[in-house]
Amino acid sequence: VTASLAALDRIVFEPALPAPHLDALAKIGRGREGKVFAVFEEAFWSPLRSFVAAADESWVQTFVDVSVLVGEPALCGFAPHRHTESLEAADDHEVRAQIARSLEQVWRWSLAQAAH
């Protein structure tokens, strides 16, 4: 079944969705989603095209490579509903810090890949 989160509230599943699925849906939340674009000197995340980097409840958790669209190494980051308001209220420095915190584990991964 593919449906929006809002539509799931109106669908009755028999049998009911498993508890882990319901817990995951509760964590995602319903409502607006925040979005940021970040440009880099190099695509250190390559060959990953999209990934989740949810470090310590960072606001920006899901990333998609949009380099082809932007014309240089770039990611579009998405913030789930529960973090959208914080993201929108933040200044540029704070947004950059949140993105860096999320991407730290991906950066370490890329360094390990380069070492092999």
PDB file of N, CA and C in Angstrom:
ATOM      1  N   VAL A   1       0.848  -1.174   0.000  1.00  0.00           N
ATOM      2  CA  VAL A   1       0.000   0.000   0.000  1.00  0.00           C
ATOM      3  C   VAL A   1       0.891   1.233   0.000  1.00  0.00           C
ATOM      4  N   THR A   2       0.611   2.138  -0.896  1.00  0.00           N
ATOM      5  CA  THR A   2       1.308   3.416  -0.912  1.00  0.00           C
ATOM      6  C   THR A   2       0.267   4.512  -0.724  1.00  0.00           C
ATOM      7  N   ALA A   3       0.400   5.260   0.347  1.00  0.00           N
ATOM      8  CA  ALA A   3      -0.542   6.336   0.644  1.00  0.00           C
ATOM      9  C   ALA A   3       0.193   7.411   1.435  1.00  0.00           C
ATOM     10  N   SER A   4      -0.317   8.621   1.352  1.00  0.00           N
ATOM     11  CA  SER A   4       0.277   9.699   2.148  1.00  0.00           C
ATOM     12  C   SER A   4       0.017   9.434   3.628  1.00  0.00           C
ATOM     13  N   LEU A   5       0.832  10.052   4.479  1.00  0.00           N
ATOM     14  CA  LEU A   5       0.631   9.867   5.922  1.00  0.00           C
ATOM     15  C   LEU A   5      -0.741  10.357   6.357  1.00  0.00           C
ATOM     16  N   ALA A   6      -1.187  11.445   5.777  1.00  0.00           N
ATOM     17  CA  ALA A   6      -2.506  11.971   6.145  1.00  0.00           C
ATOM     18  C   ALA A   6      -3.601  10.990   5.763  1.00  0.00           C
ATOM     19  N   ALA A   7      -3.464  10.317   4.624  1.00  0.00           N
ATOM     20  CA  ALA A   7      -4.478   9.358   4.188  1.00  0.00           C
ATOM     21  C   ALA A   7      -4.488   8.111   5.066  1.00  0.00           C
ATOM     22  N   LEU A   8      -3.354   7.770   5.654  1.00  0.00           N
ATOM     23  CA  LEU A   8      -3.301   6.566   6.494  1.00  0.00           C
ATOM     24  C   LEU A   8      -4.265   6.636   7.672  1.00  0.00           C
ATOM     25  N   ASP A   9      -4.554   7.838   8.143  1.00  0.00           N
ATOM     26  CA  ASP A   9      -5.483   7.990   9.264  1.00  0.00           C
ATOM     27  C   ASP A   9      -6.890   7.550   8.894  1.00  0.00           C
ATOM     28  N   ARG A  10      -7.201   7.567   7.601  1.00  0.00           N
ATOM     29  CA  ARG A  10      -8.559   7.226   7.158  1.00  0.00           C
ATOM     30  C   ARG A  10      -8.654   5.808   6.601  1.00  0.00           C
ATOM     31  N   ILE A  11      -7.548   5.075   6.592  1.00  0.00           N
ATOM     32  CA  ILE A  11      -7.540   3.715   6.069  1.00  0.00           C
ATOM     33  C   ILE A  11      -7.579   2.728   7.234  1.00  0.00           C
ATOM     34  N   VAL A  12      -8.428   1.734   7.119  1.00  0.00           N
ATOM     35  CA  VAL A  12      -8.515   0.689   8.131  1.00  0.00           C
ATOM     36  C   VAL A  12      -7.788  -0.540   7.586  1.00  0.00           C
ATOM     37  N   PHE A  13      -6.790  -1.000   8.313  1.00  0.00           N
ATOM     38  CA  PHE A  13      -6.016  -2.166   7.900  1.00  0.00           C
ATOM     39  C   PHE A  13      -6.484  -3.390   8.676  1.00  0.00           C
ATOM     40  N   GLU A  14      -6.709  -4.488   7.955  1.00  0.00           N
ATOM     41  CA  GLU A  14      -7.058  -5.770   8.565  1.00  0.00           C
ATOM     42  C   GLU A  14      -6.070  -6.801   8.071  1.00  0.00           C
ATOM     43  N   PRO A  15      -5.196  -7.329   8.852  1.00  0.00           N
ATOM     44  CA  PRO A  15      -4.974  -6.994  10.261  1.00  0.00           C
ATOM     45  C   PRO A  15      -4.334  -5.604  10.390  1.00  0.00           C
ATOM     46  N   ALA A  16      -4.328  -5.104  11.602  1.00  0.00           N
ATOM     47  CA  ALA A  16      -3.773  -3.784  11.877  1.00  0.00           C
ATOM     48  C   ALA A  16      -2.282  -3.750  11.552  1.00  0.00           C
ATOM     49  N   LEU A  17      -1.779  -2.549  11.269  1.00  0.00           N
ATOM     50  CA  LEU A  17      -0.348  -2.407  11.022  1.00  0.00           C
ATOM     51  C   LEU A  17       0.432  -2.837  12.262  1.00  0.00           C
ATOM     52  N   PRO A  18       1.594  -3.467  12.082  1.00  0.00           N
ATOM     53  CA  PRO A  18       2.409  -3.882  13.231  1.00  0.00           C
ATOM     54  C   PRO A  18       2.874  -2.676  14.057  1.00  0.00           C
ATOM     55  N   ALA A  19       3.075  -2.889  15.335  1.00  0.00           N
ATOM     56  CA  ALA A  19       3.500  -1.816  16.251  1.00  0.00           C
ATOM     57  C   ALA A  19       4.761  -1.092  15.780  1.00  0.00           C
ATOM     58  N   PRO A  20       5.799  -1.793  15.281  1.00  0.00           N
ATOM     59  CA  PRO A  20       6.984  -1.054  14.813  1.00  0.00           C
ATOM     60  C   PRO A  20       6.668  -0.079  13.675  1.00  0.00           C
ATOM     61  N   HIS A  21       5.738  -0.452  12.808  1.00  0.00           N
ATOM     62  CA  HIS A  21       5.336   0.437  11.718  1.00  0.00           C
ATOM     63  C   HIS A  21       4.614   1.664  12.271  1.00  0.00           C
ATOM     64  N   LEU A  22       3.717   1.437  13.210  1.00  0.00           N
ATOM     65  CA  LEU A  22       2.992   2.550  13.821  1.00  0.00           C
ATOM     66  C   LEU A  22       3.945   3.473  14.577  1.00  0.00           C
ATOM     67  N   ASP A  23       4.932   2.904  15.271  1.00  0.00           N
ATOM     68  CA  ASP A  23       5.923   3.712  15.985  1.00  0.00           C
ATOM     69  C   ASP A  23       6.724   4.567  15.006  1.00  0.00           C
ATOM     70  N   ALA A  24       7.124   3.975  13.881  1.00  0.00           N
ATOM     71  CA  ALA A  24       7.880   4.719  12.869  1.00  0.00           C
ATOM     72  C   ALA A  24       7.040   5.857  12.295  1.00  0.00           C
ATOM     73  N   LEU A  25       5.776   5.596  12.018  1.00  0.00           N
ATOM     74  CA  LEU A  25       4.896   6.644  11.500  1.00  0.00           C
ATOM     75  C   LEU A  25       4.723   7.771  12.508  1.00  0.00           C
ATOM     76  N   ALA A  26       4.647   7.429  13.784  1.00  0.00           N
ATOM     77  CA  ALA A  26       4.515   8.452  14.827  1.00  0.00           C
ATOM     78  C   ALA A  26       5.767   9.324  14.894  1.00  0.00           C
ATOM     79  N   LYS A  27       6.931   8.720  14.679  1.00  0.00           N
ATOM     80  CA  LYS A  27       8.179   9.495  14.715  1.00  0.00           C
ATOM     81  C   LYS A  27       8.289  10.439  13.526  1.00  0.00           C
ATOM     82  N   ILE A  28       7.826   9.993  12.375  1.00  0.00           N
ATOM     83  CA  ILE A  28       7.872  10.846  11.182  1.00  0.00           C
ATOM     84  C   ILE A  28       6.977  12.054  11.386  1.00  0.00           C
ATOM     85  N   GLY A  29       5.795  11.829  11.876  1.00  0.00           N
ATOM     86  CA  GLY A  29       4.845  12.911  12.100  1.00  0.00           C
ATOM     87  C   GLY A  29       4.131  13.296  10.823  1.00  0.00           C
ATOM     88  N   ARG A  30       3.095  14.077  10.985  1.00  0.00           N
ATOM     89  CA  ARG A  30       2.305  14.533   9.851  1.00  0.00           C
ATOM     90  C   ARG A  30       2.385  16.041   9.789  1.00  0.00           C
ATOM     91  N   GLY A  31       2.540  16.562   8.620  1.00  0.00           N
ATOM     92  CA  GLY A  31       2.579  18.005   8.469  1.00  0.00           C
ATOM     93  C   GLY A  31       3.670  18.425   7.511  1.00  0.00           C
ATOM     94  N   ARG A  32       4.108  19.650   7.667  1.00  0.00           N
ATOM     95  CA  ARG A  32       5.107  20.211   6.758  1.00  0.00           C
ATOM     96  C   ARG A  32       6.437  19.508   6.898  1.00  0.00           C
ATOM     97  N   GLU A  33       7.213  19.592   5.825  1.00  0.00           N
ATOM     98  CA  GLU A  33       8.562  19.040   5.821  1.00  0.00           C
ATOM     99  C   GLU A  33       9.508  20.166   5.438  1.00  0.00           C
ATOM    100  N   GLY A  34      10.604  20.310   6.185  1.00  0.00           N
ATOM    101  CA  GLY A  34      11.588  21.340   5.872  1.00  0.00           C
ATOM    102  C   GLY A  34      12.560  20.848   4.820  1.00  0.00           C
ATOM    103  N   LYS A  35      13.127  21.785   4.074  1.00  0.00           N
ATOM    104  CA  LYS A  35      14.046  21.422   3.006  1.00  0.00           C
ATOM    105  C   LYS A  35      15.164  22.460   2.932  1.00  0.00           C
ATOM    106  N   VAL A  36      16.409  21.998   2.791  1.00  0.00           N
ATOM    107  CA  VAL A  36      17.559  22.885   2.615  1.00  0.00           C
ATOM    108  C   VAL A  36      18.430  22.337   1.490  1.00  0.00           C
ATOM    109  N   PHE A  37      19.127  23.236   0.827  1.00  0.00           N
ATOM    110  CA  PHE A  37      20.090  22.844  -0.200  1.00  0.00           C
ATOM    111  C   PHE A  37      21.480  23.242   0.272  1.00  0.00           C
ATOM    112  N   ALA A  38      22.431  22.344   0.090  1.00  0.00           N
ATOM    113  CA  ALA A  38      23.811  22.607   0.509  1.00  0.00           C
ATOM    114  C   ALA A  38      24.744  22.261  -0.647  1.00  0.00           C
ATOM    115  N   VAL A  39      25.649  23.182  -0.966  1.00  0.00           N
ATOM    116  CA  VAL A  39      26.614  23.001  -2.053  1.00  0.00           C
ATOM    117  C   VAL A  39      27.989  22.760  -1.442  1.00  0.00           C
ATOM    118  N   PHE A  40      28.759  21.838  -2.032  1.00  0.00           N
ATOM    119  CA  PHE A  40      30.061  21.439  -1.515  1.00  0.00           C
ATOM    120  C   PHE A  40      31.116  21.511  -2.606  1.00  0.00           C
ATOM    121  N   GLU A  41      32.378  21.488  -2.199  1.00  0.00           N
ATOM    122  CA  GLU A  41      33.482  21.488  -3.158  1.00  0.00           C
ATOM    123  C   GLU A  41      33.604  20.149  -3.868  1.00  0.00           C
ATOM    124  N   GLU A  42      33.270  19.063  -3.160  1.00  0.00           N
ATOM    125  CA  GLU A  42      33.319  17.734  -3.762  1.00  0.00           C
ATOM    126  C   GLU A  42      32.166  16.894  -3.237  1.00  0.00           C
ATOM    127  N   ALA A  43      31.770  15.893  -4.021  1.00  0.00           N
ATOM    128  CA  ALA A  43      30.672  15.010  -3.638  1.00  0.00           C
ATOM    129  C   ALA A  43      31.219  13.861  -2.805  1.00  0.00           C
ATOM    130  N   PHE A  44      31.578  14.152  -1.555  1.00  0.00           N
ATOM    131  CA  PHE A  44      32.194  13.145  -0.687  1.00  0.00           C
ATOM    132  C   PHE A  44      31.251  11.978  -0.402  1.00  0.00           C
ATOM    133  N   TRP A  45      29.976  12.132  -0.629  1.00  0.00           N
ATOM    134  CA  TRP A  45      28.988  11.088  -0.376  1.00  0.00           C
ATOM    135  C   TRP A  45      28.878  10.084  -1.525  1.00  0.00           C
ATOM    136  N   SER A  46      29.496  10.401  -2.660  1.00  0.00           N
ATOM    137  CA  SER A  46      29.416   9.527  -3.827  1.00  0.00           C
ATOM    138  C   SER A  46      30.018   8.168  -3.505  1.00  0.00           C
ATOM    139  N   PRO A  47      29.423   7.084  -3.921  1.00  0.00           N
ATOM    140  CA  PRO A  47      28.371   6.910  -4.925  1.00  0.00           C
ATOM    141  C   PRO A  47      26.951   6.909  -4.358  1.00  0.00           C
ATOM    142  N   LEU A  48      26.758   7.265  -3.101  1.00  0.00           N
ATOM    143  CA  LEU A  48      25.408   7.310  -2.541  1.00  0.00           C
ATOM    144  C   LEU A  48      24.589   8.386  -3.261  1.00  0.00           C
ATOM    145  N   ARG A  49      23.384   8.054  -3.650  1.00  0.00           N
ATOM    146  CA  ARG A  49      22.499   9.015  -4.322  1.00  0.00           C
ATOM    147  C   ARG A  49      21.495   9.610  -3.336  1.00  0.00           C
ATOM    148  N   SER A  50      21.190   8.849  -2.302  1.00  0.00           N
ATOM    149  CA  SER A  50      20.328   9.335  -1.230  1.00  0.00           C
ATOM    150  C   SER A  50      20.639   8.503   0.014  1.00  0.00           C
ATOM    151  N   PHE A  51      20.428   9.102   1.161  1.00  0.00           N
ATOM    152  CA  PHE A  51      20.755   8.411   2.404  1.00  0.00           C
ATOM    153  C   PHE A  51      20.118   9.122   3.580  1.00  0.00           C
ATOM    154  N   VAL A  52      20.020   8.406   4.677  1.00  0.00           N
ATOM    155  CA  VAL A  52      19.529   8.965   5.933  1.00  0.00           C
ATOM    156  C   VAL A  52      20.728   9.107   6.859  1.00  0.00           C
ATOM    157  N   ALA A  53      20.854  10.259   7.484  1.00  0.00           N
ATOM    158  CA  ALA A  53      21.959  10.527   8.401  1.00  0.00           C
ATOM    159  C   ALA A  53      21.386  11.189   9.649  1.00  0.00           C
ATOM    160  N   ALA A  54      20.634  10.427  10.422  1.00  0.00           N
ATOM    161  CA  ALA A  54      19.929  10.977  11.586  1.00  0.00           C
ATOM    162  C   ALA A  54      20.820  10.938  12.821  1.00  0.00           C
ATOM    163  N   ALA A  55      21.765  11.841  12.892  1.00  0.00           N
ATOM    164  CA  ALA A  55      22.710  11.895  13.998  1.00  0.00           C
ATOM    165  C   ALA A  55      22.133  12.684  15.167  1.00  0.00           C
ATOM    166  N   ASP A  56      21.945  12.008  16.293  1.00  0.00           N
ATOM    167  CA  ASP A  56      21.522  12.673  17.530  1.00  0.00           C
ATOM    168  C   ASP A  56      20.363  13.645  17.335  1.00  0.00           C
ATOM    169  N   GLU A  57      19.332  13.199  16.655  1.00  0.00           N
ATOM    170  CA  GLU A  57      18.150  14.038  16.437  1.00  0.00           C
ATOM    171  C   GLU A  57      18.459  15.339  15.704  1.00  0.00           C
ATOM    172  N   SER A  58      19.396  15.307  14.801  1.00  0.00           N
ATOM    173  CA  SER A  58      19.660  16.487  13.978  1.00  0.00           C
ATOM    174  C   SER A  58      18.400  16.855  13.206  1.00  0.00           C
ATOM    175  N   TRP A  59      18.217  18.117  12.932  1.00  0.00           N
ATOM    176  CA  TRP A  59      17.019  18.571  12.233  1.00  0.00           C
ATOM    177  C   TRP A  59      16.945  17.999  10.821  1.00  0.00           C
ATOM    178  N   VAL A  60      18.075  17.983  10.121  1.00  0.00           N
ATOM    179  CA  VAL A  60      18.110  17.532   8.731  1.00  0.00           C
ATOM    180  C   VAL A  60      18.604  16.092   8.729  1.00  0.00           C
ATOM    181  N   GLN A  61      17.750  15.175   8.248  1.00  0.00           N
ATOM    182  CA  GLN A  61      18.066  13.765   8.422  1.00  0.00           C
ATOM    183  C   GLN A  61      18.132  12.957   7.129  1.00  0.00           C
ATOM    184  N   THR A  62      17.459  13.368   6.112  1.00  0.00           N
ATOM    185  CA  THR A  62      17.444  12.633   4.855  1.00  0.00           C
ATOM    186  C   THR A  62      18.027  13.523   3.768  1.00  0.00           C
ATOM    187  N   PHE A  63      18.915  12.952   2.972  1.00  0.00           N
ATOM    188  CA  PHE A  63      19.591  13.723   1.936  1.00  0.00           C
ATOM    189  C   PHE A  63      19.444  13.055   0.579  1.00  0.00           C
ATOM    190  N   VAL A  64      19.331  13.880  -0.449  1.00  0.00           N
ATOM    191  CA  VAL A  64      19.266  13.408  -1.827  1.00  0.00           C
ATOM    192  C   VAL A  64      20.293  14.200  -2.630  1.00  0.00           C
ATOM    193  N   ASP A  65      21.073  13.501  -3.436  1.00  0.00           N
ATOM    194  CA  ASP A  65      22.070  14.150  -4.286  1.00  0.00           C
ATOM    195  C   ASP A  65      21.348  14.888  -5.417  1.00  0.00           C
ATOM    196  N   VAL A  66      21.509  16.189  -5.465  1.00  0.00           N
ATOM    197  CA  VAL A  66      20.895  17.009  -6.512  1.00  0.00           C
ATOM    198  C   VAL A  66      21.960  17.688  -7.373  1.00  0.00           C
ATOM    199  N   SER A  67      23.155  17.103  -7.384  1.00  0.00           N
ATOM    200  CA  SER A  67      24.278  17.693  -8.113  1.00  0.00           C
ATOM    201  C   SER A  67      23.970  17.925  -9.583  1.00  0.00           C
ATOM    202  N   VAL A  68      23.300  16.979 -10.219  1.00  0.00           N
ATOM    203  CA  VAL A  68      22.983  17.108 -11.645  1.00  0.00           C
ATOM    204  C   VAL A  68      22.089  18.324 -11.878  1.00  0.00           C
ATOM    205  N   LEU A  69      21.156  18.555 -10.982  1.00  0.00           N
ATOM    206  CA  LEU A  69      20.248  19.699 -11.124  1.00  0.00           C
ATOM    207  C   LEU A  69      20.937  21.032 -10.854  1.00  0.00           C
ATOM    208  N   VAL A  70      21.829  21.043  -9.864  1.00  0.00           N
ATOM    209  CA  VAL A  70      22.480  22.287  -9.437  1.00  0.00           C
ATOM    210  C   VAL A  70      23.693  22.615 -10.306  1.00  0.00           C
ATOM    211  N   GLY A  71      24.350  21.594 -10.853  1.00  0.00           N
ATOM    212  CA  GLY A  71      25.526  21.830 -11.692  1.00  0.00           C
ATOM    213  C   GLY A  71      26.835  21.800 -10.931  1.00  0.00           C
ATOM    214  N   GLU A  72      26.780  21.456  -9.659  1.00  0.00           N
ATOM    215  CA  GLU A  72      27.960  21.285  -8.817  1.00  0.00           C
ATOM    216  C   GLU A  72      27.566  20.363  -7.671  1.00  0.00           C
ATOM    217  N   PRO A  73      28.539  19.829  -6.908  1.00  0.00           N
ATOM    218  CA  PRO A  73      28.188  18.900  -5.835  1.00  0.00           C
ATOM    219  C   PRO A  73      27.208  19.545  -4.841  1.00  0.00           C
ATOM    220  N   ALA A  74      26.029  18.962  -4.739  1.00  0.00           N
ATOM    221  CA  ALA A  74      24.995  19.546  -3.879  1.00  0.00           C
ATOM    222  C   ALA A  74      24.060  18.466  -3.350  1.00  0.00           C
ATOM    223  N   LEU A  75      23.554  18.723  -2.161  1.00  0.00           N
ATOM    224  CA  LEU A  75      22.575  17.847  -1.528  1.00  0.00           C
ATOM    225  C   LEU A  75      21.330  18.654  -1.185  1.00  0.00           C
ATOM    226  N   CYS A  76      20.194  18.005  -1.277  1.00  0.00           N
ATOM    227  CA  CYS A  76      18.961  18.563  -0.745  1.00  0.00           C
ATOM    228  C   CYS A  76      18.685  17.764   0.526  1.00  0.00           C
ATOM    229  N   GLY A  77      18.570  18.471   1.640  1.00  0.00           N
ATOM    230  CA  GLY A  77      18.308  17.817   2.917  1.00  0.00           C
ATOM    231  C   GLY A  77      16.884  18.072   3.356  1.00  0.00           C
ATOM    232  N   PHE A  78      16.273  17.056   3.940  1.00  0.00           N
ATOM    233  CA  PHE A  78      14.891  17.147   4.393  1.00  0.00           C
ATOM    234  C   PHE A  78      14.823  17.016   5.910  1.00  0.00           C
ATOM    235  N   ALA A  79      14.007  17.855   6.501  1.00  0.00           N
ATOM    236  CA  ALA A  79      13.768  17.806   7.950  1.00  0.00           C
ATOM    237  C   ALA A  79      12.355  17.295   8.176  1.00  0.00           C
ATOM    238  N   PRO A  80      12.192  16.301   9.046  1.00  0.00           N
ATOM    239  CA  PRO A  80      10.840  15.821   9.328  1.00  0.00           C
ATOM    240  C   PRO A  80      10.014  16.883  10.042  1.00  0.00           C
ATOM    241  N   HIS A  81       8.725  16.669  10.044  1.00  0.00           N
ATOM    242  CA  HIS A  81       7.767  17.629  10.593  1.00  0.00           C
ATOM    243  C   HIS A  81       8.173  18.181  11.960  1.00  0.00           C
ATOM    244  N   ARG A  82       8.626  17.323  12.853  1.00  0.00           N
ATOM    245  CA  ARG A  82       8.919  17.775  14.220  1.00  0.00           C
ATOM    246  C   ARG A  82      10.091  18.753  14.292  1.00  0.00           C
ATOM    247  N   HIS A  83      10.904  18.840  13.236  1.00  0.00           N
ATOM    248  CA  HIS A  83      12.053  19.746  13.242  1.00  0.00           C
ATOM    249  C   HIS A  83      11.899  20.924  12.276  1.00  0.00           C
ATOM    250  N   THR A  84      10.825  20.960  11.519  1.00  0.00           N
ATOM    251  CA  THR A  84      10.653  22.000  10.501  1.00  0.00           C
ATOM    252  C   THR A  84      10.629  23.397  11.094  1.00  0.00           C
ATOM    253  N   GLU A  85       9.913  23.577  12.180  1.00  0.00           N
ATOM    254  CA  GLU A  85       9.815  24.899  12.796  1.00  0.00           C
ATOM    255  C   GLU A  85      11.180  25.401  13.273  1.00  0.00           C
ATOM    256  N   SER A  86      11.971  24.519  13.878  1.00  0.00           N
ATOM    257  CA  SER A  86      13.309  24.895  14.338  1.00  0.00           C
ATOM    258  C   SER A  86      14.195  25.274  13.154  1.00  0.00           C
ATOM    259  N   LEU A  87      14.102  24.502  12.093  1.00  0.00           N
ATOM    260  CA  LEU A  87      14.899  24.773  10.896  1.00  0.00           C
ATOM    261  C   LEU A  87      14.545  26.133  10.304  1.00  0.00           C
ATOM    262  N   GLU A  88      13.261  26.413  10.209  1.00  0.00           N
ATOM    263  CA  GLU A  88      12.821  27.686   9.629  1.00  0.00           C
ATOM    264  C   GLU A  88      13.212  28.883  10.486  1.00  0.00           C
ATOM    265  N   ALA A  89      13.291  28.711  11.802  1.00  0.00           N
ATOM    266  CA  ALA A  89      13.617  29.818  12.709  1.00  0.00           C
ATOM    267  C   ALA A  89      15.123  30.040  12.852  1.00  0.00           C
ATOM    268  N   ALA A  90      15.928  29.089  12.397  1.00  0.00           N
ATOM    269  CA  ALA A  90      17.377  29.145  12.602  1.00  0.00           C
ATOM    270  C   ALA A  90      18.046  30.120  11.641  1.00  0.00           C
ATOM    271  N   ASP A  91      19.203  30.642  12.081  1.00  0.00           N
ATOM    272  CA  ASP A  91      20.007  31.469  11.186  1.00  0.00           C
ATOM    273  C   ASP A  91      20.920  30.562  10.339  1.00  0.00           C
ATOM    274  N   ASP A  92      21.594  31.139   9.363  1.00  0.00           N
ATOM    275  CA  ASP A  92      22.432  30.353   8.445  1.00  0.00           C
ATOM    276  C   ASP A  92      23.497  29.541   9.175  1.00  0.00           C
ATOM    277  N   HIS A  93      24.122  30.138  10.183  1.00  0.00           N
ATOM    278  CA  HIS A  93      25.170  29.443  10.932  1.00  0.00           C
ATOM    279  C   HIS A  93      24.608  28.180  11.599  1.00  0.00           C
ATOM    280  N   GLU A  94      23.457  28.298  12.211  1.00  0.00           N
ATOM    281  CA  GLU A  94      22.854  27.159  12.903  1.00  0.00           C
ATOM    282  C   GLU A  94      22.430  26.068  11.907  1.00  0.00           C
ATOM    283  N   VAL A  95      21.899  26.467  10.760  1.00  0.00           N
ATOM    284  CA  VAL A  95      21.512  25.486   9.741  1.00  0.00           C
ATOM    285  C   VAL A  95      22.751  24.739   9.245  1.00  0.00           C
ATOM    286  N   ARG A  96      23.838  25.473   8.984  1.00  0.00           N
ATOM    287  CA  ARG A  96      25.086  24.818   8.552  1.00  0.00           C
ATOM    288  C   ARG A  96      25.589  23.832   9.608  1.00  0.00           C
ATOM    289  N   ALA A  97      25.499  24.214  10.870  1.00  0.00           N
ATOM    290  CA  ALA A  97      25.948  23.334  11.957  1.00  0.00           C
ATOM    291  C   ALA A  97      25.107  22.064  12.011  1.00  0.00           C
ATOM    292  N   GLN A  98      23.809  22.184  11.809  1.00  0.00           N
ATOM    293  CA  GLN A  98      22.930  21.018  11.802  1.00  0.00           C
ATOM    294  C   GLN A  98      23.264  20.084  10.639  1.00  0.00           C
ATOM    295  N   ILE A  99      23.498  20.658   9.463  1.00  0.00           N
ATOM    296  CA  ILE A  99      23.855  19.850   8.287  1.00  0.00           C
ATOM    297  C   ILE A  99      25.191  19.154   8.528  1.00  0.00           C
ATOM    298  N   ALA A 100      26.169  19.882   9.053  1.00  0.00           N
ATOM    299  CA  ALA A 100      27.494  19.297   9.322  1.00  0.00           C
ATOM    300  C   ALA A 100      27.386  18.152  10.315  1.00  0.00           C
ATOM    301  N   ARG A 101      26.589  18.337  11.343  1.00  0.00           N
ATOM    302  CA  ARG A 101      26.416  17.287  12.345  1.00  0.00           C
ATOM    303  C   ARG A 101      25.803  16.030  11.722  1.00  0.00           C
ATOM    304  N   SER A 102      24.822  16.214  10.883  1.00  0.00           N
ATOM    305  CA  SER A 102      24.194  15.076  10.215  1.00  0.00           C
ATOM    306  C   SER A 102      25.153  14.369   9.273  1.00  0.00           C
ATOM    307  N   LEU A 103      25.954  15.144   8.557  1.00  0.00           N
ATOM    308  CA  LEU A 103      26.818  14.571   7.526  1.00  0.00           C
ATOM    309  C   LEU A 103      28.151  14.056   8.050  1.00  0.00           C
ATOM    310  N   GLU A 104      28.444  14.281   9.317  1.00  0.00           N
ATOM    311  CA  GLU A 104      29.722  13.843   9.872  1.00  0.00           C
ATOM    312  C   GLU A 104      29.952  12.345   9.672  1.00  0.00           C
ATOM    313  N   GLN A 105      28.924  11.537   9.932  1.00  0.00           N
ATOM    314  CA  GLN A 105      29.093  10.098   9.765  1.00  0.00           C
ATOM    315  C   GLN A 105      29.303   9.714   8.289  1.00  0.00           C
ATOM    316  N   VAL A 106      28.685  10.442   7.374  1.00  0.00           N
ATOM    317  CA  VAL A 106      28.868  10.171   5.944  1.00  0.00           C
ATOM    318  C   VAL A 106      30.283  10.565   5.525  1.00  0.00           C
ATOM    319  N   TRP A 107      30.787  11.677   6.068  1.00  0.00           N
ATOM    320  CA  TRP A 107      32.149  12.119   5.786  1.00  0.00           C
ATOM    321  C   TRP A 107      33.155  11.064   6.257  1.00  0.00           C
ATOM    322  N   ARG A 108      32.950  10.526   7.473  1.00  0.00           N
ATOM    323  CA  ARG A 108      33.848   9.476   7.981  1.00  0.00           C
ATOM    324  C   ARG A 108      33.793   8.243   7.090  1.00  0.00           C
ATOM    325  N   TRP A 109      32.591   7.890   6.631  1.00  0.00           N
ATOM    326  CA  TRP A 109      32.423   6.752   5.727  1.00  0.00           C
ATOM    327  C   TRP A 109      33.226   6.985   4.446  1.00  0.00           C
ATOM    328  N   SER A 110      33.144   8.199   3.894  1.00  0.00           N
ATOM    329  CA  SER A 110      33.847   8.481   2.645  1.00  0.00           C
ATOM    330  C   SER A 110      35.359   8.409   2.829  1.00  0.00           C
ATOM    331  N   LEU A 111      35.855   8.835   3.981  1.00  0.00           N
ATOM    332  CA  LEU A 111      37.286   8.740   4.257  1.00  0.00           C
ATOM    333  C   LEU A 111      37.717   7.279   4.350  1.00  0.00           C
ATOM    334  N   ALA A 112      36.885   6.443   4.980  1.00  0.00           N
ATOM    335  CA  ALA A 112      37.196   5.021   5.085  1.00  0.00           C
ATOM    336  C   ALA A 112      37.194   4.362   3.714  1.00  0.00           C
ATOM    337  N   GLN A 113      36.260   4.765   2.853  1.00  0.00           N
ATOM    338  CA  GLN A 113      36.198   4.209   1.496  1.00  0.00           C
ATOM    339  C   GLN A 113      37.433   4.606   0.700  1.00  0.00           C
ATOM    340  N   ALA A 114      37.884   5.837   0.869  1.00  0.00           N
ATOM    341  CA  ALA A 114      39.056   6.328   0.152  1.00  0.00           C
ATOM    342  C   ALA A 114      40.328   5.622   0.607  1.00  0.00           C
ATOM    343  N   ALA A 115      40.347   5.205   1.874  1.00  0.00           N
ATOM    344  CA  ALA A 115      41.532   4.526   2.419  1.00  0.00           C
ATOM    345  C   ALA A 115      41.684   3.129   1.874  1.00  0.00           C
ATOM    346  N   HIS A 116      40.618   2.546   1.355  1.00  0.00           N
ATOM    347  CA  HIS A 116      40.682   1.173   0.816  1.00  0.00           C
ATOM    348  C   HIS A 116      41.052   1.193  -0.609  1.00  0.00           C
TER     349      HIS A 116
END
